[in-house]
Amino acid sequence: MSALQIKRLYSGKPIHTGNPYLEASITDMGATLALQWLGEPVVQIPAQVLRMRCQCDTCRSGKGNHPHPANPTTIAHIRPLGLSGLRIRFSDGHDAATYDWTSLGALSG
Protein backbone atom coordinates (compact mmCIF):
# COMPACT_ATOMS: atom_id res chain seq x y z
CA MET A 1 0.00 0.00 0.00
CA SER A 2 1.39 3.38 -0.96
CA ALA A 3 1.84 6.29 1.44
CA LEU A 4 -0.97 8.11 -0.39
CA GLN A 5 -3.35 5.17 0.08
CA ILE A 6 -2.49 4.99 3.78
CA LYS A 7 -3.09 8.73 4.16
CA ARG A 8 -6.48 8.38 2.46
CA LEU A 9 -7.37 5.38 4.60
CA TYR A 10 -6.88 7.27 7.83
CA SER A 11 -7.99 10.75 6.80
CA GLY A 12 -11.11 9.85 4.82
CA LYS A 13 -9.98 11.67 1.67
CA PRO A 14 -11.92 10.60 -1.44
CA ILE A 15 -10.59 7.85 -3.65
CA HIS A 16 -11.23 8.27 -7.39
CA THR A 17 -14.19 6.06 -8.29
CA GLY A 18 -14.15 6.52 -12.06
CA ASN A 19 -17.60 8.07 -11.67
CA PRO A 20 -17.55 11.89 -11.92
CA TYR A 21 -20.77 12.10 -9.87
CA LEU A 22 -19.55 10.14 -6.87
CA GLU A 23 -16.79 10.25 -4.28
CA ALA A 24 -15.97 7.29 -2.05
CA SER A 25 -13.70 7.20 0.97
CA ILE A 26 -12.80 4.93 3.84
CA THR A 27 -13.34 6.60 7.21
CA ASP A 28 -13.13 5.78 10.91
CA MET A 29 -9.96 3.69 10.51
CA GLY A 30 -11.69 1.43 8.00
CA ALA A 31 -14.91 0.95 9.96
CA THR A 32 -17.03 2.91 7.47
CA LEU A 33 -17.39 3.48 3.74
CA ALA A 34 -18.49 7.06 3.04
CA LEU A 35 -20.19 7.85 -0.28
CA GLN A 36 -21.22 11.21 -1.65
CA TRP A 37 -23.20 11.54 -4.85
CA LEU A 38 -23.07 14.96 -6.53
CA GLY A 39 -25.29 17.42 -4.68
CA GLU A 40 -26.31 14.90 -2.00
CA PRO A 41 -25.27 14.55 1.64
CA VAL A 42 -22.61 12.02 2.60
CA VAL A 43 -23.95 8.57 3.43
CA GLN A 44 -22.02 6.10 5.54
CA ILE A 45 -22.16 2.32 5.41
CA PRO A 46 -20.52 0.33 8.22
CA ALA A 47 -17.87 -2.14 7.06
CA GLN A 48 -19.57 -4.90 9.04
CA VAL A 49 -22.81 -4.37 7.09
CA LEU A 50 -20.92 -4.51 3.79
CA ARG A 51 -19.11 -7.69 4.81
CA MET A 52 -22.24 -9.45 6.00
CA ARG A 53 -24.11 -8.50 2.80
CA CYS A 54 -21.38 -9.61 0.40
CA GLN A 55 -22.87 -11.08 -2.77
CA CYS A 56 -19.81 -12.88 -4.16
CA ASP A 57 -20.31 -16.49 -5.28
CA THR A 58 -18.58 -17.90 -2.19
CA CYS A 59 -20.66 -15.90 0.28
CA ARG A 60 -23.94 -16.51 -1.57
CA SER A 61 -23.29 -20.25 -1.55
CA GLY A 62 -22.91 -20.17 2.23
CA LYS A 63 -19.28 -21.28 2.08
CA GLY A 64 -17.92 -17.85 2.90
CA ASN A 65 -16.15 -16.99 6.11
CA HIS A 66 -18.59 -14.46 7.55
CA PRO A 67 -17.05 -12.78 10.58
CA HIS A 68 -18.69 -13.06 13.97
CA PRO A 69 -20.03 -9.69 15.18
CA ALA A 70 -17.72 -9.88 18.22
CA ASN A 71 -14.78 -9.67 15.79
CA PRO A 72 -15.48 -6.58 13.68
CA THR A 73 -14.21 -6.47 10.14
CA THR A 74 -12.82 -3.26 8.65
CA ILE A 75 -12.28 -2.12 5.08
CA ALA A 76 -8.65 -2.56 4.05
CA HIS A 77 -8.89 -1.25 0.48
CA ILE A 78 -11.40 -0.12 -2.13
CA ARG A 79 -10.95 0.17 -5.86
CA PRO A 80 -13.32 1.21 -8.62
CA LEU A 81 -14.91 -1.23 -11.05
CA GLY A 82 -15.07 1.16 -13.97
CA LEU A 83 -18.22 3.23 -13.68
CA SER A 84 -20.29 0.37 -12.26
CA GLY A 85 -19.23 0.10 -8.61
CA LEU A 86 -16.52 -0.80 -6.11
CA ARG A 87 -14.48 -3.83 -5.17
CA ILE A 88 -13.74 -4.00 -1.46
CA ARG A 89 -11.03 -5.93 0.39
CA PHE A 90 -11.74 -6.50 4.07
CA SER A 91 -9.37 -6.92 7.00
CA ASP A 92 -10.37 -10.60 7.33
CA GLY A 93 -8.73 -11.24 3.94
CA HIS A 94 -11.94 -11.44 1.91
CA ASP A 95 -11.28 -9.68 -1.39
CA ALA A 96 -14.02 -10.86 -3.76
CA ALA A 97 -16.67 -8.40 -2.56
CA THR A 98 -18.06 -6.30 -5.40
CA TYR A 99 -20.88 -3.82 -5.02
CA ASP A 100 -22.63 -1.89 -7.78
CA TRP A 101 -23.77 1.66 -7.07
CA THR A 102 -27.42 0.59 -6.79
CA SER A 103 -26.58 -1.96 -4.09
CA LEU A 104 -24.48 0.55 -2.19
CA GLY A 105 -27.27 3.10 -2.39
CA ALA A 106 -29.71 0.57 -0.96
CA LEU A 107 -27.35 -0.33 1.89
CA SER A 108 -26.93 3.33 2.78
CA GLY A 109 -30.61 4.02 3.24
C-alpha atoms as a PDB file:
ATOM      1  CA  MET A   1       0.000   0.000   0.000  1.00  0.00           C
ATOM      2  CA  SER A   2       1.395   3.385  -0.962  1.00  0.00           C
ATOM      3  CA  ALA A   3       1.836   6.287   1.444  1.00  0.00           C
ATOM      4  CA  LEU A   4      -0.972   8.112  -0.388  1.00  0.00           C
ATOM      5  CA  GLN A   5      -3.354   5.173   0.077  1.00  0.00           C
ATOM      6  CA  ILE A   6      -2.492   4.989   3.776  1.00  0.00           C
ATOM      7  CA  LYS A   7      -3.094   8.728   4.164  1.00  0.00           C
ATOM      8  CA  ARG A   8      -6.480   8.382   2.458  1.00  0.00           C
ATOM      9  CA  LEU A   9      -7.367   5.376   4.601  1.00  0.00           C
ATOM     10  CA  TYR A  10      -6.877   7.272   7.833  1.00  0.00           C
ATOM     11  CA  SER A  11      -7.992  10.749   6.801  1.00  0.00           C
ATOM     12  CA  GLY A  12     -11.107   9.851   4.824  1.00  0.00           C
ATOM     13  CA  LYS A  13      -9.984  11.665   1.674  1.00  0.00           C
ATOM     14  CA  PRO A  14     -11.917  10.604  -1.440  1.00  0.00           C
ATOM     15  CA  ILE A  15     -10.589   7.846  -3.648  1.00  0.00           C
ATOM     16  CA  HIS A  16     -11.228   8.273  -7.391  1.00  0.00           C
ATOM     17  CA  THR A  17     -14.190   6.065  -8.295  1.00  0.00           C
ATOM     18  CA  GLY A  18     -14.153   6.519 -12.058  1.00  0.00           C
ATOM     19  CA  ASN A  19     -17.603   8.075 -11.670  1.00  0.00           C
ATOM     20  CA  PRO A  20     -17.550  11.888 -11.923  1.00  0.00           C
ATOM     21  CA  TYR A  21     -20.768  12.099  -9.874  1.00  0.00           C
ATOM     22  CA  LEU A  22     -19.548  10.138  -6.871  1.00  0.00           C
ATOM     23  CA  GLU A  23     -16.794  10.251  -4.277  1.00  0.00           C
ATOM     24  CA  ALA A  24     -15.968   7.288  -2.051  1.00  0.00           C
ATOM     25  CA  SER A  25     -13.702   7.203   0.975  1.00  0.00           C
ATOM     26  CA  ILE A  26     -12.799   4.928   3.844  1.00  0.00           C
ATOM     27  CA  THR A  27     -13.335   6.601   7.206  1.00  0.00           C
ATOM     28  CA  ASP A  28     -13.130   5.778  10.908  1.00  0.00           C
ATOM     29  CA  MET A  29      -9.956   3.690  10.509  1.00  0.00           C
ATOM     30  CA  GLY A  30     -11.691   1.426   7.998  1.00  0.00           C
ATOM     31  CA  ALA A  31     -14.908   0.954   9.960  1.00  0.00           C
ATOM     32  CA  THR A  32     -17.030   2.905   7.465  1.00  0.00           C
ATOM     33  CA  LEU A  33     -17.393   3.477   3.737  1.00  0.00           C
ATOM     34  CA  ALA A  34     -18.493   7.063   3.044  1.00  0.00           C
ATOM     35  CA  LEU A  35     -20.186   7.852  -0.276  1.00  0.00           C
ATOM     36  CA  GLN A  36     -21.223  11.209  -1.652  1.00  0.00           C
ATOM     37  CA  TRP A  37     -23.202  11.536  -4.847  1.00  0.00           C
ATOM     38  CA  LEU A  38     -23.070  14.962  -6.531  1.00  0.00           C
ATOM     39  CA  GLY A  39     -25.290  17.417  -4.675  1.00  0.00           C
ATOM     40  CA  GLU A  40     -26.310  14.896  -2.005  1.00  0.00           C
ATOM     41  CA  PRO A  41     -25.270  14.554   1.644  1.00  0.00           C
ATOM     42  CA  VAL A  42     -22.612  12.023   2.598  1.00  0.00           C
ATOM     43  CA  VAL A  43     -23.947   8.567   3.427  1.00  0.00           C
ATOM     44  CA  GLN A  44     -22.020   6.098   5.539  1.00  0.00           C
ATOM     45  CA  ILE A  45     -22.158   2.317   5.410  1.00  0.00           C
ATOM     46  CA  PRO A  46     -20.524   0.332   8.220  1.00  0.00           C
ATOM     47  CA  ALA A  47     -17.870  -2.142   7.062  1.00  0.00           C
ATOM     48  CA  GLN A  48     -19.571  -4.898   9.041  1.00  0.00           C
ATOM     49  CA  VAL A  49     -22.815  -4.369   7.087  1.00  0.00           C
ATOM     50  CA  LEU A  50     -20.924  -4.511   3.785  1.00  0.00           C
ATOM     51  CA  ARG A  51     -19.110  -7.689   4.810  1.00  0.00           C
ATOM     52  CA  MET A  52     -22.245  -9.453   6.002  1.00  0.00           C
ATOM     53  CA  ARG A  53     -24.110  -8.503   2.797  1.00  0.00           C
ATOM     54  CA  CYS A  54     -21.377  -9.613   0.396  1.00  0.00           C
ATOM     55  CA  GLN A  55     -22.869 -11.081  -2.766  1.00  0.00           C
ATOM     56  CA  CYS A  56     -19.813 -12.876  -4.161  1.00  0.00           C
ATOM     57  CA  ASP A  57     -20.310 -16.490  -5.278  1.00  0.00           C
ATOM     58  CA  THR A  58     -18.581 -17.898  -2.193  1.00  0.00           C
ATOM     59  CA  CYS A  59     -20.664 -15.896   0.278  1.00  0.00           C
ATOM     60  CA  ARG A  60     -23.944 -16.514  -1.573  1.00  0.00           C
ATOM     61  CA  SER A  61     -23.290 -20.253  -1.554  1.00  0.00           C
ATOM     62  CA  GLY A  62     -22.909 -20.174   2.231  1.00  0.00           C
ATOM     63  CA  LYS A  63     -19.284 -21.284   2.076  1.00  0.00           C
ATOM     64  CA  GLY A  64     -17.923 -17.854   2.900  1.00  0.00           C
ATOM     65  CA  ASN A  65     -16.148 -16.990   6.107  1.00  0.00           C
ATOM     66  CA  HIS A  66     -18.586 -14.462   7.548  1.00  0.00           C
ATOM     67  CA  PRO A  67     -17.051 -12.777  10.575  1.00  0.00           C
ATOM     68  CA  HIS A  68     -18.686 -13.062  13.967  1.00  0.00           C
ATOM     69  CA  PRO A  69     -20.034  -9.686  15.182  1.00  0.00           C
ATOM     70  CA  ALA A  70     -17.721  -9.878  18.216  1.00  0.00           C
ATOM     71  CA  ASN A  71     -14.782  -9.668  15.791  1.00  0.00           C
ATOM     72  CA  PRO A  72     -15.478  -6.577  13.682  1.00  0.00           C
ATOM     73  CA  THR A  73     -14.205  -6.466  10.140  1.00  0.00           C
ATOM     74  CA  THR A  74     -12.824  -3.260   8.650  1.00  0.00           C
ATOM     75  CA  ILE A  75     -12.276  -2.122   5.083  1.00  0.00           C
ATOM     76  CA  ALA A  76      -8.655  -2.560   4.051  1.00  0.00           C
ATOM     77  CA  HIS A  77      -8.890  -1.253   0.475  1.00  0.00           C
ATOM     78  CA  ILE A  78     -11.396  -0.116  -2.127  1.00  0.00           C
ATOM     79  CA  ARG A  79     -10.951   0.167  -5.861  1.00  0.00           C
ATOM     80  CA  PRO A  80     -13.325   1.211  -8.617  1.00  0.00           C
ATOM     81  CA  LEU A  81     -14.914  -1.231 -11.049  1.00  0.00           C
ATOM     82  CA  GLY A  82     -15.072   1.158 -13.971  1.00  0.00           C
ATOM     83  CA  LEU A  83     -18.221   3.231 -13.676  1.00  0.00           C
ATOM     84  CA  SER A  84     -20.293   0.368 -12.260  1.00  0.00           C
ATOM     85  CA  GLY A  85     -19.231   0.097  -8.613  1.00  0.00           C
ATOM     86  CA  LEU A  86     -16.518  -0.798  -6.107  1.00  0.00           C
ATOM     87  CA  ARG A  87     -14.480  -3.825  -5.170  1.00  0.00           C
ATOM     88  CA  ILE A  88     -13.741  -3.998  -1.457  1.00  0.00           C
ATOM     89  CA  ARG A  89     -11.028  -5.932   0.391  1.00  0.00           C
ATOM     90  CA  PHE A  90     -11.736  -6.505   4.065  1.00  0.00           C
ATOM     91  CA  SER A  91      -9.373  -6.925   7.000  1.00  0.00           C
ATOM     92  CA  ASP A  92     -10.373 -10.598   7.327  1.00  0.00           C
ATOM     93  CA  GLY A  93      -8.728 -11.237   3.942  1.00  0.00           C
ATOM     94  CA  HIS A  94     -11.936 -11.436   1.907  1.00  0.00           C
ATOM     95  CA  ASP A  95     -11.284  -9.683  -1.386  1.00  0.00           C
ATOM     96  CA  ALA A  96     -14.022 -10.863  -3.763  1.00  0.00           C
ATOM     97  CA  ALA A  97     -16.666  -8.399  -2.562  1.00  0.00           C
ATOM     98  CA  THR A  98     -18.061  -6.302  -5.400  1.00  0.00           C
ATOM     99  CA  TYR A  99     -20.882  -3.815  -5.024  1.00  0.00           C
ATOM    100  CA  ASP A 100     -22.627  -1.894  -7.777  1.00  0.00           C
ATOM    101  CA  TRP A 101     -23.767   1.662  -7.073  1.00  0.00           C
ATOM    102  CA  THR A 102     -27.417   0.591  -6.792  1.00  0.00           C
ATOM    103  CA  SER A 103     -26.581  -1.965  -4.092  1.00  0.00           C
ATOM    104  CA  LEU A 104     -24.476   0.551  -2.187  1.00  0.00           C
ATOM    105  CA  GLY A 105     -27.270   3.101  -2.395  1.00  0.00           C
ATOM    106  CA  ALA A 106     -29.713   0.567  -0.964  1.00  0.00           C
ATOM    107  CA  LEU A 107     -27.349  -0.333   1.888  1.00  0.00           C
ATOM    108  CA  SER A 108     -26.928   3.330   2.778  1.00  0.00           C
ATOM    109  CA  GLY A 109     -30.611   4.017   3.241  1.00  0.00           C
END
